[in-house]
Every structure is written in C-alpha cells, then in structure tokens.
N, C-alpha and C. Protein backbone atom coordinates (compact mmCIF):
# COMPACT_ATOMS: atom_id res chain seq x y z
N MET A 1 0.83 26.37 59.45
CA MET A 1 2.08 26.65 60.12
C MET A 1 3.25 26.02 59.40
N GLY A 2 3.15 25.79 58.14
CA GLY A 2 4.21 25.12 57.41
C GLY A 2 5.41 26.00 57.11
N LYS A 3 5.32 27.30 57.36
CA LYS A 3 6.40 28.20 56.99
C LYS A 3 7.45 28.37 58.08
N LYS A 4 7.25 27.81 59.26
CA LYS A 4 8.16 28.04 60.36
C LYS A 4 9.58 27.60 60.05
N LYS A 5 9.70 26.40 59.46
CA LYS A 5 11.02 25.87 59.19
C LYS A 5 11.77 26.75 58.19
N VAL A 6 11.05 27.24 57.16
CA VAL A 6 11.67 28.10 56.17
C VAL A 6 12.15 29.39 56.82
N LYS A 7 11.33 29.93 57.70
CA LYS A 7 11.71 31.18 58.38
C LYS A 7 12.98 30.99 59.20
N ARG A 8 13.09 29.80 59.80
CA ARG A 8 14.23 29.54 60.66
C ARG A 8 15.54 29.57 59.85
N PHE A 9 15.48 29.15 58.57
CA PHE A 9 16.70 29.06 57.77
C PHE A 9 17.03 30.34 57.01
N ARG A 10 16.11 31.28 56.95
CA ARG A 10 16.39 32.52 56.25
C ARG A 10 17.59 33.22 56.88
N GLY A 11 18.49 33.68 56.02
CA GLY A 11 19.68 34.34 56.52
C GLY A 11 20.86 33.40 56.61
N SER A 12 20.61 32.09 56.72
CA SER A 12 21.75 31.18 56.72
C SER A 12 22.17 30.96 55.28
N ARG A 13 23.39 30.53 55.13
CA ARG A 13 23.95 30.46 53.79
C ARG A 13 23.35 29.31 52.96
N THR A 14 23.07 28.17 53.57
CA THR A 14 22.67 27.00 52.79
C THR A 14 21.26 26.53 53.11
N CYS A 15 20.54 27.17 53.96
CA CYS A 15 19.17 26.81 54.33
C CYS A 15 19.05 25.37 54.77
N GLY A 16 20.01 24.86 55.48
CA GLY A 16 19.94 23.52 56.03
C GLY A 16 20.25 22.40 55.07
N LYS A 17 20.78 22.72 53.91
CA LYS A 17 21.06 21.69 52.92
C LYS A 17 22.51 21.21 52.98
N GLY A 18 23.29 21.67 53.89
CA GLY A 18 24.69 21.25 53.97
C GLY A 18 25.55 22.15 53.10
N ARG A 19 26.61 21.59 52.53
CA ARG A 19 27.49 22.36 51.67
C ARG A 19 26.72 22.91 50.46
N GLU A 20 27.16 24.03 49.87
CA GLU A 20 26.36 24.77 48.89
C GLU A 20 25.88 23.92 47.71
N ASN A 21 26.74 23.08 47.16
CA ASN A 21 26.38 22.35 45.94
C ASN A 21 25.55 21.10 46.19
N ARG A 22 25.31 20.73 47.42
CA ARG A 22 24.63 19.46 47.69
C ARG A 22 23.14 19.51 47.34
N HIS A 23 22.53 20.65 47.34
CA HIS A 23 21.11 20.72 47.05
C HIS A 23 20.83 21.08 45.60
N ARG A 24 21.85 21.09 44.77
CA ARG A 24 21.68 21.41 43.36
C ARG A 24 21.74 20.15 42.51
N GLY A 25 21.22 20.21 41.29
CA GLY A 25 21.35 19.13 40.33
C GLY A 25 20.26 18.08 40.44
N GLY A 26 20.27 17.17 39.48
CA GLY A 26 19.24 16.15 39.39
C GLY A 26 19.37 15.09 40.47
N GLY A 27 20.56 14.90 41.01
CA GLY A 27 20.75 13.88 42.02
C GLY A 27 19.97 14.16 43.29
N ASN A 28 19.82 15.40 43.62
CA ASN A 28 19.07 15.79 44.80
C ASN A 28 17.57 15.52 44.63
N ARG A 29 17.13 15.53 43.39
CA ARG A 29 15.70 15.31 43.10
C ARG A 29 15.40 13.85 42.78
N GLY A 30 16.37 12.98 42.88
CA GLY A 30 16.16 11.57 42.55
C GLY A 30 16.19 11.33 41.06
N GLY A 31 16.86 12.17 40.32
CA GLY A 31 16.96 12.03 38.88
C GLY A 31 16.11 13.07 38.18
N ARG A 32 16.44 13.29 36.92
CA ARG A 32 15.69 14.28 36.13
C ARG A 32 14.51 13.63 35.44
N GLY A 33 13.44 14.34 35.29
CA GLY A 33 12.30 13.85 34.53
C GLY A 33 11.65 12.63 35.14
N ASN A 34 11.45 11.60 34.34
CA ASN A 34 10.77 10.40 34.79
C ASN A 34 11.71 9.34 35.31
N ALA A 35 12.94 9.72 35.63
CA ALA A 35 13.88 8.74 36.17
C ALA A 35 13.37 8.22 37.50
N GLY A 36 13.46 6.92 37.70
CA GLY A 36 13.06 6.31 38.96
C GLY A 36 11.58 6.11 39.11
N MET A 37 10.82 6.19 38.02
CA MET A 37 9.37 6.04 38.13
C MET A 37 8.98 4.61 38.50
N ARG A 38 9.86 3.64 38.25
CA ARG A 38 9.57 2.26 38.63
C ARG A 38 10.41 1.83 39.83
N LYS A 39 11.11 2.76 40.41
CA LYS A 39 11.95 2.43 41.56
C LYS A 39 11.55 3.32 42.74
N HIS A 40 12.34 4.37 43.00
CA HIS A 40 12.10 5.17 44.20
C HIS A 40 10.97 6.19 44.05
N LYS A 41 10.47 6.42 42.84
CA LYS A 41 9.32 7.32 42.65
C LYS A 41 8.07 6.51 42.25
N TYR A 42 7.98 5.27 42.69
CA TYR A 42 6.92 4.37 42.23
C TYR A 42 5.53 4.83 42.67
N ILE A 43 5.42 5.39 43.86
CA ILE A 43 4.11 5.85 44.34
C ILE A 43 3.56 6.94 43.42
N ARG A 44 4.45 7.81 42.94
CA ARG A 44 4.04 8.86 42.00
C ARG A 44 3.51 8.21 40.72
N THR A 45 4.17 7.13 40.28
CA THR A 45 3.74 6.42 39.08
C THR A 45 2.34 5.85 39.26
N VAL A 46 2.10 5.22 40.40
CA VAL A 46 0.80 4.62 40.66
C VAL A 46 -0.29 5.68 40.69
N LYS A 47 -0.01 6.80 41.33
CA LYS A 47 -1.00 7.88 41.41
C LYS A 47 -1.33 8.44 40.02
N LEU A 48 -0.29 8.64 39.18
CA LEU A 48 -0.52 9.15 37.83
C LEU A 48 -1.25 8.13 36.97
N ALA A 49 -0.96 6.85 37.18
CA ALA A 49 -1.62 5.80 36.40
C ALA A 49 -3.11 5.74 36.72
N LYS A 50 -3.46 5.97 37.98
CA LYS A 50 -4.88 5.98 38.35
C LYS A 50 -5.62 7.11 37.66
N LYS A 51 -4.93 8.24 37.47
CA LYS A 51 -5.54 9.38 36.78
C LYS A 51 -5.51 9.20 35.26
N GLY A 52 -4.77 8.20 34.79
CA GLY A 52 -4.65 7.98 33.35
C GLY A 52 -3.58 8.81 32.69
N LEU A 53 -2.65 9.35 33.48
CA LEU A 53 -1.61 10.22 32.94
C LEU A 53 -0.29 9.49 32.73
N TYR A 54 -0.19 8.24 33.15
CA TYR A 54 1.05 7.48 33.00
C TYR A 54 0.69 6.03 32.78
N GLN A 55 1.44 5.35 31.93
CA GLN A 55 1.15 3.96 31.64
C GLN A 55 2.23 3.08 32.25
N ILE A 56 1.82 2.11 33.03
CA ILE A 56 2.77 1.21 33.66
C ILE A 56 2.96 -0.01 32.77
N GLY A 57 4.17 -0.43 32.59
CA GLY A 57 4.45 -1.63 31.80
C GLY A 57 4.80 -1.30 30.37
N LYS A 58 5.08 -2.33 29.61
CA LYS A 58 5.44 -2.14 28.22
C LYS A 58 4.22 -1.69 27.43
N SER A 59 4.43 -0.86 26.43
CA SER A 59 3.29 -0.33 25.69
C SER A 59 3.29 -0.76 24.24
N GLY A 60 4.17 -1.64 23.83
CA GLY A 60 4.14 -2.08 22.44
C GLY A 60 5.50 -2.44 21.93
N PHE A 61 5.54 -2.74 20.65
CA PHE A 61 6.78 -3.16 20.01
C PHE A 61 6.82 -2.58 18.62
N THR A 62 7.93 -2.04 18.24
CA THR A 62 8.11 -1.51 16.90
C THR A 62 9.11 -2.39 16.18
N ARG A 63 8.68 -2.95 15.07
CA ARG A 63 9.59 -3.82 14.32
C ARG A 63 10.76 -3.00 13.80
N PRO A 64 11.92 -3.63 13.68
CA PRO A 64 13.05 -2.92 13.08
C PRO A 64 12.69 -2.45 11.68
N LYS A 65 13.16 -1.27 11.32
CA LYS A 65 12.76 -0.64 10.07
C LYS A 65 13.09 -1.50 8.87
N ASN A 66 14.22 -2.22 8.94
CA ASN A 66 14.64 -2.99 7.77
C ASN A 66 13.80 -4.25 7.55
N LEU A 67 12.87 -4.58 8.46
CA LEU A 67 12.03 -5.76 8.30
C LEU A 67 10.60 -5.45 7.89
N THR A 68 10.21 -4.20 7.94
CA THR A 68 8.82 -3.87 7.61
C THR A 68 8.60 -3.97 6.11
N ALA A 69 7.44 -4.44 5.70
CA ALA A 69 7.12 -4.63 4.29
C ALA A 69 7.14 -3.30 3.55
N TYR A 70 6.65 -2.25 4.21
CA TYR A 70 6.62 -0.93 3.58
C TYR A 70 8.02 -0.46 3.23
N TYR A 71 8.94 -0.65 4.16
CA TYR A 71 10.32 -0.23 3.93
C TYR A 71 10.94 -1.02 2.78
N LEU A 72 10.67 -2.33 2.73
CA LEU A 72 11.23 -3.16 1.68
C LEU A 72 10.67 -2.78 0.31
N MET A 73 9.35 -2.47 0.26
CA MET A 73 8.75 -2.04 -1.01
C MET A 73 9.35 -0.72 -1.48
N GLU A 74 9.55 0.19 -0.54
CA GLU A 74 10.13 1.49 -0.90
C GLU A 74 11.56 1.32 -1.41
N LYS A 75 12.29 0.43 -0.78
CA LYS A 75 13.67 0.17 -1.19
C LYS A 75 13.71 -0.43 -2.59
N ASP A 76 12.82 -1.41 -2.87
CA ASP A 76 12.74 -2.02 -4.20
C ASP A 76 12.39 -0.98 -5.26
N LEU A 77 11.45 -0.08 -4.91
CA LEU A 77 11.03 0.96 -5.85
C LEU A 77 12.21 1.85 -6.22
N LYS A 78 12.96 2.30 -5.22
CA LYS A 78 14.09 3.20 -5.49
C LYS A 78 15.16 2.50 -6.32
N GLU A 79 15.39 1.21 -6.05
CA GLU A 79 16.37 0.46 -6.84
C GLU A 79 15.91 0.35 -8.30
N ARG A 80 14.61 0.07 -8.50
CA ARG A 80 14.07 -0.07 -9.85
C ARG A 80 14.14 1.26 -10.60
N LEU A 81 13.81 2.34 -9.94
CA LEU A 81 13.88 3.65 -10.59
C LEU A 81 15.31 4.01 -10.94
N PHE A 82 16.26 3.66 -10.07
CA PHE A 82 17.67 3.94 -10.35
C PHE A 82 18.14 3.14 -11.56
N GLU A 83 17.69 1.87 -11.67
CA GLU A 83 18.04 1.05 -12.84
C GLU A 83 17.49 1.69 -14.12
N LEU A 84 16.23 2.13 -14.07
CA LEU A 84 15.62 2.75 -15.25
C LEU A 84 16.35 4.03 -15.65
N LYS A 85 16.81 4.77 -14.66
CA LYS A 85 17.55 6.01 -14.95
C LYS A 85 18.91 5.69 -15.55
N ALA A 86 19.57 4.65 -15.03
CA ALA A 86 20.88 4.28 -15.52
C ALA A 86 20.82 3.79 -16.97
N VAL A 87 19.75 3.08 -17.32
CA VAL A 87 19.58 2.58 -18.69
C VAL A 87 19.18 3.72 -19.62
N GLY A 88 18.60 4.78 -19.07
CA GLY A 88 18.15 5.91 -19.88
C GLY A 88 16.67 5.85 -20.19
N ALA A 89 15.94 4.97 -19.50
CA ALA A 89 14.50 4.84 -19.76
C ALA A 89 13.71 6.00 -19.18
N ILE A 90 14.22 6.64 -18.12
CA ILE A 90 13.54 7.83 -17.58
C ILE A 90 14.55 8.96 -17.44
N ASP A 91 14.06 10.17 -17.60
CA ASP A 91 14.94 11.33 -17.47
C ASP A 91 15.03 11.78 -16.01
N GLU A 92 15.83 12.80 -15.78
CA GLU A 92 16.10 13.28 -14.41
C GLU A 92 14.83 13.77 -13.71
N TYR A 93 14.00 14.52 -14.46
CA TYR A 93 12.77 15.05 -13.87
C TYR A 93 11.85 13.93 -13.40
N LEU A 94 11.63 12.95 -14.26
CA LEU A 94 10.72 11.85 -13.94
C LEU A 94 11.29 11.00 -12.80
N TYR A 95 12.60 10.82 -12.80
CA TYR A 95 13.25 10.06 -11.73
C TYR A 95 13.01 10.72 -10.37
N ASN A 96 13.26 12.02 -10.29
CA ASN A 96 13.07 12.75 -9.03
C ASN A 96 11.60 12.78 -8.62
N TYR A 97 10.72 12.90 -9.59
CA TYR A 97 9.28 12.96 -9.31
C TYR A 97 8.80 11.64 -8.72
N LEU A 98 9.19 10.53 -9.34
CA LEU A 98 8.73 9.21 -8.89
C LEU A 98 9.42 8.77 -7.60
N LYS A 99 10.68 9.15 -7.44
CA LYS A 99 11.43 8.74 -6.25
C LYS A 99 10.86 9.35 -4.99
N SER A 100 10.24 10.52 -5.11
CA SER A 100 9.70 11.21 -3.94
C SER A 100 8.34 10.66 -3.52
N ARG A 101 7.79 9.70 -4.27
CA ARG A 101 6.46 9.15 -3.97
C ARG A 101 6.53 7.64 -3.83
N PRO A 102 6.52 7.13 -2.58
CA PRO A 102 6.56 5.68 -2.40
C PRO A 102 5.28 4.98 -2.88
N GLU A 103 4.14 5.66 -2.83
CA GLU A 103 2.91 5.16 -3.43
C GLU A 103 2.43 6.23 -4.41
N LEU A 104 1.89 5.80 -5.50
CA LEU A 104 1.47 6.73 -6.53
C LEU A 104 -0.02 6.99 -6.42
N ASN A 105 -0.42 8.25 -6.52
CA ASN A 105 -1.83 8.64 -6.54
C ASN A 105 -2.30 8.74 -7.99
N VAL A 106 -3.60 8.61 -8.20
CA VAL A 106 -4.14 8.70 -9.55
C VAL A 106 -3.91 10.10 -10.13
N GLY A 107 -3.93 11.11 -9.29
CA GLY A 107 -3.67 12.47 -9.76
C GLY A 107 -2.24 12.62 -10.28
N ASP A 108 -1.29 12.00 -9.57
CA ASP A 108 0.11 12.03 -10.03
C ASP A 108 0.25 11.29 -11.36
N LEU A 109 -0.41 10.17 -11.45
CA LEU A 109 -0.35 9.36 -12.66
C LEU A 109 -0.93 10.12 -13.85
N ASP A 110 -2.00 10.84 -13.61
CA ASP A 110 -2.62 11.65 -14.66
C ASP A 110 -1.66 12.74 -15.15
N GLU A 111 -0.90 13.32 -14.21
CA GLU A 111 0.06 14.37 -14.56
C GLU A 111 1.21 13.84 -15.42
N ILE A 112 1.72 12.68 -15.07
CA ILE A 112 2.94 12.21 -15.72
C ILE A 112 2.69 11.21 -16.84
N ALA A 113 1.44 10.98 -17.21
CA ALA A 113 1.13 9.99 -18.26
C ALA A 113 1.84 10.35 -19.57
N GLU A 114 1.79 11.61 -19.94
CA GLU A 114 2.44 12.04 -21.19
C GLU A 114 3.96 11.86 -21.13
N LYS A 115 4.53 12.17 -19.97
CA LYS A 115 5.99 11.99 -19.78
C LYS A 115 6.38 10.52 -19.89
N LEU A 116 5.53 9.63 -19.34
CA LEU A 116 5.81 8.20 -19.41
C LEU A 116 5.79 7.72 -20.86
N VAL A 117 4.89 8.27 -21.67
CA VAL A 117 4.82 7.91 -23.09
C VAL A 117 6.09 8.38 -23.80
N GLU A 118 6.54 9.59 -23.48
CA GLU A 118 7.76 10.13 -24.10
C GLU A 118 8.97 9.25 -23.80
N ASN A 119 9.02 8.71 -22.58
CA ASN A 119 10.16 7.89 -22.18
C ASN A 119 9.99 6.41 -22.53
N GLY A 120 8.88 6.04 -23.15
CA GLY A 120 8.68 4.67 -23.58
C GLY A 120 8.22 3.72 -22.49
N LEU A 121 7.72 4.24 -21.38
CA LEU A 121 7.25 3.40 -20.28
C LEU A 121 5.74 3.21 -20.29
N ALA A 122 5.07 3.87 -21.23
CA ALA A 122 3.63 3.72 -21.39
C ALA A 122 3.30 3.87 -22.87
N GLU A 123 2.12 3.43 -23.24
CA GLU A 123 1.68 3.52 -24.62
C GLU A 123 0.45 4.41 -24.71
N LYS A 124 0.41 5.20 -25.77
CA LYS A 124 -0.77 6.02 -25.99
C LYS A 124 -1.50 5.47 -27.21
N GLY A 125 -2.69 4.94 -26.96
CA GLY A 125 -3.51 4.40 -28.05
C GLY A 125 -4.64 5.34 -28.38
N GLU A 126 -5.52 4.87 -29.26
CA GLU A 126 -6.68 5.68 -29.63
C GLU A 126 -7.65 5.83 -28.46
N ASP A 127 -7.69 4.78 -27.62
CA ASP A 127 -8.65 4.81 -26.54
C ASP A 127 -8.09 5.43 -25.25
N GLY A 128 -6.78 5.58 -25.12
CA GLY A 128 -6.22 6.20 -23.92
C GLY A 128 -4.79 5.74 -23.65
N TYR A 129 -4.33 5.98 -22.45
CA TYR A 129 -2.97 5.64 -22.05
C TYR A 129 -2.96 4.26 -21.38
N ARG A 130 -2.02 3.40 -21.78
CA ARG A 130 -1.83 2.09 -21.15
C ARG A 130 -0.54 2.13 -20.35
N ILE A 131 -0.69 1.95 -19.03
CA ILE A 131 0.46 2.08 -18.12
C ILE A 131 0.53 0.83 -17.23
N ASN A 132 1.72 0.22 -17.17
CA ASN A 132 1.96 -0.89 -16.26
C ASN A 132 2.84 -0.37 -15.12
N LEU A 133 2.24 -0.18 -13.94
CA LEU A 133 2.98 0.38 -12.81
C LEU A 133 3.97 -0.62 -12.22
N SER A 134 3.75 -1.91 -12.43
CA SER A 134 4.69 -2.91 -11.90
C SER A 134 6.04 -2.78 -12.60
N ASP A 135 6.05 -2.39 -13.87
CA ASP A 135 7.32 -2.18 -14.58
C ASP A 135 8.10 -1.03 -13.96
N LEU A 136 7.39 -0.05 -13.42
CA LEU A 136 8.06 1.08 -12.77
C LEU A 136 8.51 0.73 -11.35
N GLY A 137 7.93 -0.31 -10.77
CA GLY A 137 8.29 -0.70 -9.40
C GLY A 137 7.23 -0.37 -8.38
N TYR A 138 6.06 0.08 -8.82
CA TYR A 138 4.98 0.43 -7.90
C TYR A 138 4.06 -0.76 -7.69
N TYR A 139 3.67 -0.97 -6.43
CA TYR A 139 2.76 -2.05 -6.07
C TYR A 139 1.35 -1.53 -5.77
N LYS A 140 1.25 -0.23 -5.49
CA LYS A 140 0.01 0.30 -4.94
C LYS A 140 -0.36 1.59 -5.66
N LEU A 141 -1.66 1.75 -5.95
CA LEU A 141 -2.19 2.98 -6.53
C LEU A 141 -3.26 3.52 -5.60
N LEU A 142 -3.09 4.79 -5.20
CA LEU A 142 -4.01 5.43 -4.26
C LEU A 142 -4.93 6.39 -5.00
N GLY A 143 -5.98 6.84 -4.33
CA GLY A 143 -7.05 7.58 -5.00
C GLY A 143 -7.03 9.08 -4.86
N SER A 144 -5.95 9.69 -4.48
CA SER A 144 -5.93 11.14 -4.31
C SER A 144 -5.66 11.84 -5.64
N GLY A 145 -6.33 12.96 -5.86
CA GLY A 145 -6.11 13.74 -7.07
C GLY A 145 -7.25 13.58 -8.06
N ASN A 146 -7.14 14.31 -9.17
CA ASN A 146 -8.17 14.31 -10.21
C ASN A 146 -7.65 13.59 -11.45
N VAL A 147 -8.55 12.88 -12.13
CA VAL A 147 -8.19 12.16 -13.36
C VAL A 147 -9.00 12.75 -14.51
N LYS A 148 -8.31 13.23 -15.54
CA LYS A 148 -8.97 13.79 -16.71
C LYS A 148 -8.74 12.93 -17.94
N LYS A 149 -7.64 12.15 -17.96
CA LYS A 149 -7.29 11.32 -19.11
C LYS A 149 -7.83 9.92 -18.93
N LYS A 150 -8.05 9.24 -20.06
CA LYS A 150 -8.43 7.83 -20.00
C LYS A 150 -7.17 7.02 -19.71
N LEU A 151 -7.16 6.34 -18.58
CA LEU A 151 -6.00 5.55 -18.18
C LEU A 151 -6.40 4.09 -18.05
N PHE A 152 -5.59 3.22 -18.63
CA PHE A 152 -5.75 1.78 -18.47
C PHE A 152 -4.51 1.30 -17.72
N VAL A 153 -4.68 1.05 -16.44
CA VAL A 153 -3.55 0.83 -15.54
C VAL A 153 -3.51 -0.63 -15.10
N SER A 154 -2.30 -1.17 -15.04
CA SER A 154 -2.07 -2.51 -14.51
C SER A 154 -1.20 -2.36 -13.27
N VAL A 155 -1.71 -2.82 -12.10
CA VAL A 155 -1.01 -2.61 -10.83
C VAL A 155 -1.36 -3.75 -9.87
N GLY A 156 -0.52 -3.96 -8.85
CA GLY A 156 -0.74 -5.03 -7.88
C GLY A 156 -1.90 -4.76 -6.95
N TYR A 157 -2.08 -3.52 -6.52
CA TYR A 157 -3.16 -3.17 -5.58
C TYR A 157 -3.62 -1.75 -5.88
N ALA A 158 -4.92 -1.53 -5.83
CA ALA A 158 -5.48 -0.19 -6.01
C ALA A 158 -6.62 -0.01 -5.01
N THR A 159 -6.72 1.18 -4.46
CA THR A 159 -7.80 1.46 -3.52
C THR A 159 -9.12 1.61 -4.28
N GLN A 160 -10.21 1.50 -3.55
CA GLN A 160 -11.53 1.61 -4.16
C GLN A 160 -11.73 2.99 -4.78
N LYS A 161 -11.23 4.01 -4.10
CA LYS A 161 -11.36 5.38 -4.59
C LYS A 161 -10.61 5.56 -5.92
N ALA A 162 -9.43 4.94 -6.01
CA ALA A 162 -8.64 5.04 -7.24
C ALA A 162 -9.38 4.36 -8.39
N ILE A 163 -9.95 3.21 -8.12
CA ILE A 163 -10.69 2.48 -9.15
C ILE A 163 -11.88 3.30 -9.64
N GLU A 164 -12.62 3.91 -8.71
CA GLU A 164 -13.78 4.72 -9.07
C GLU A 164 -13.38 5.91 -9.93
N LYS A 165 -12.32 6.61 -9.55
CA LYS A 165 -11.92 7.82 -10.29
C LYS A 165 -11.47 7.48 -11.70
N ILE A 166 -10.71 6.40 -11.85
CA ILE A 166 -10.24 6.04 -13.18
C ILE A 166 -11.40 5.56 -14.06
N GLU A 167 -12.34 4.81 -13.48
CA GLU A 167 -13.49 4.34 -14.26
C GLU A 167 -14.42 5.49 -14.62
N ASN A 168 -14.55 6.50 -13.76
CA ASN A 168 -15.37 7.67 -14.07
C ASN A 168 -14.78 8.47 -15.23
N ALA A 169 -13.45 8.42 -15.38
CA ALA A 169 -12.80 9.14 -16.48
C ALA A 169 -12.81 8.32 -17.77
N GLY A 170 -13.32 7.08 -17.70
CA GLY A 170 -13.42 6.25 -18.89
C GLY A 170 -12.33 5.20 -18.99
N GLY A 171 -11.51 5.08 -17.99
CA GLY A 171 -10.41 4.10 -18.01
C GLY A 171 -10.75 2.84 -17.25
N LYS A 172 -9.72 2.03 -16.99
CA LYS A 172 -9.93 0.77 -16.30
C LYS A 172 -8.65 0.38 -15.56
N ILE A 173 -8.83 -0.30 -14.40
CA ILE A 173 -7.69 -0.80 -13.63
C ILE A 173 -7.71 -2.32 -13.67
N GLU A 174 -6.55 -2.88 -13.99
CA GLU A 174 -6.40 -4.33 -13.97
C GLU A 174 -5.51 -4.67 -12.77
N ILE A 175 -6.03 -5.48 -11.85
CA ILE A 175 -5.27 -5.87 -10.66
C ILE A 175 -4.48 -7.13 -10.96
N GLU A 176 -3.16 -7.04 -10.80
CA GLU A 176 -2.29 -8.19 -11.04
C GLU A 176 -2.20 -9.01 -9.77
N GLU A 177 -1.92 -10.25 -9.91
CA GLU A 177 -1.75 -11.12 -8.72
C GLU A 177 -0.37 -11.70 -8.69
C-alpha cells in the first residue's frame, strides 16, 4: 500500500514539496555524490562498509611529487641530457629518444649503441661496445627488449633480467656503487 500517498498528490502542481524549486538540486538530497557520508549519511556509510563497498577512515598518504626519489632521479636525468645537448655531445634525435625514457631498457640500449659511439658517449672496441650509463644520467637498467650486440655496461643498478640478457649476448654489466 505504499502508493497511496503518491496517488494523493497526482494532479497537484508540486506533489507536496512546497514551492516548485524546493525539491530540485543537490541540497534536497543532502548533497551530491558522497557528500555527508561521515555526517548525515553515516548509516549509509556503515552499511556499505559492511559489504566492503566503502572504506571508512584514511586510506593512505601520497608523498608530494617533488620529494619522491623517482621524481628527483628523472629531474636529474633531464638536466644532464639538456647539458649534453647544449655542449653538443648528443644530437636532437638522441636527446628526444633518451628524454622520453626515465629508465633505460636493454633493448633501447642495443638500438642506440651505434648512435652513442657516433656522438662520443660510448666506445666501440674489438670485443664490443663500452657504455657508461652514469655519464648519461641513468641510474637504472631494465631488462625489456632484445640484445644482439656485445655490450659492456657500467650502471648504478640493473635488474636480473637485464644482466642475463646482456651476458647471453656475450657482454657484461658492471654495477657501480
């Protein structure tokens, strides 16, 4: 019998809500969305939390972007690459290529080894390419991609996968401290 009240208001202009605009907008609903979930809609919050659909309380902390180590490393890398470009040690193509990669993969390194030799940032010997990634501003070498050239790389950190791929191609990774 829940429809009786609705039937009673049919035909009236405002259906019992008072002046026309009073039943419109977010104010009539106690706010839009999740507004008031810890105040006047708290029972709804508790019910949703029991079902696992809402979390009560603080859920974590995100450090400011300018304090994270990753952000600082990326900033140092871009500054170093800009210095190298300004001096003329790297050309425009190599600058754009390296700037777009905050961490370098072994596949990327294999692609640009010849370019690095042309720009004087690596040496090509009889046994393979000698590359110091710290001079470029890179701290980390990751293992994605294929390695076909013999690479002798000096870097601050390398993943296990990167080390395996370079050693399988006949090269070696030296970890700096």
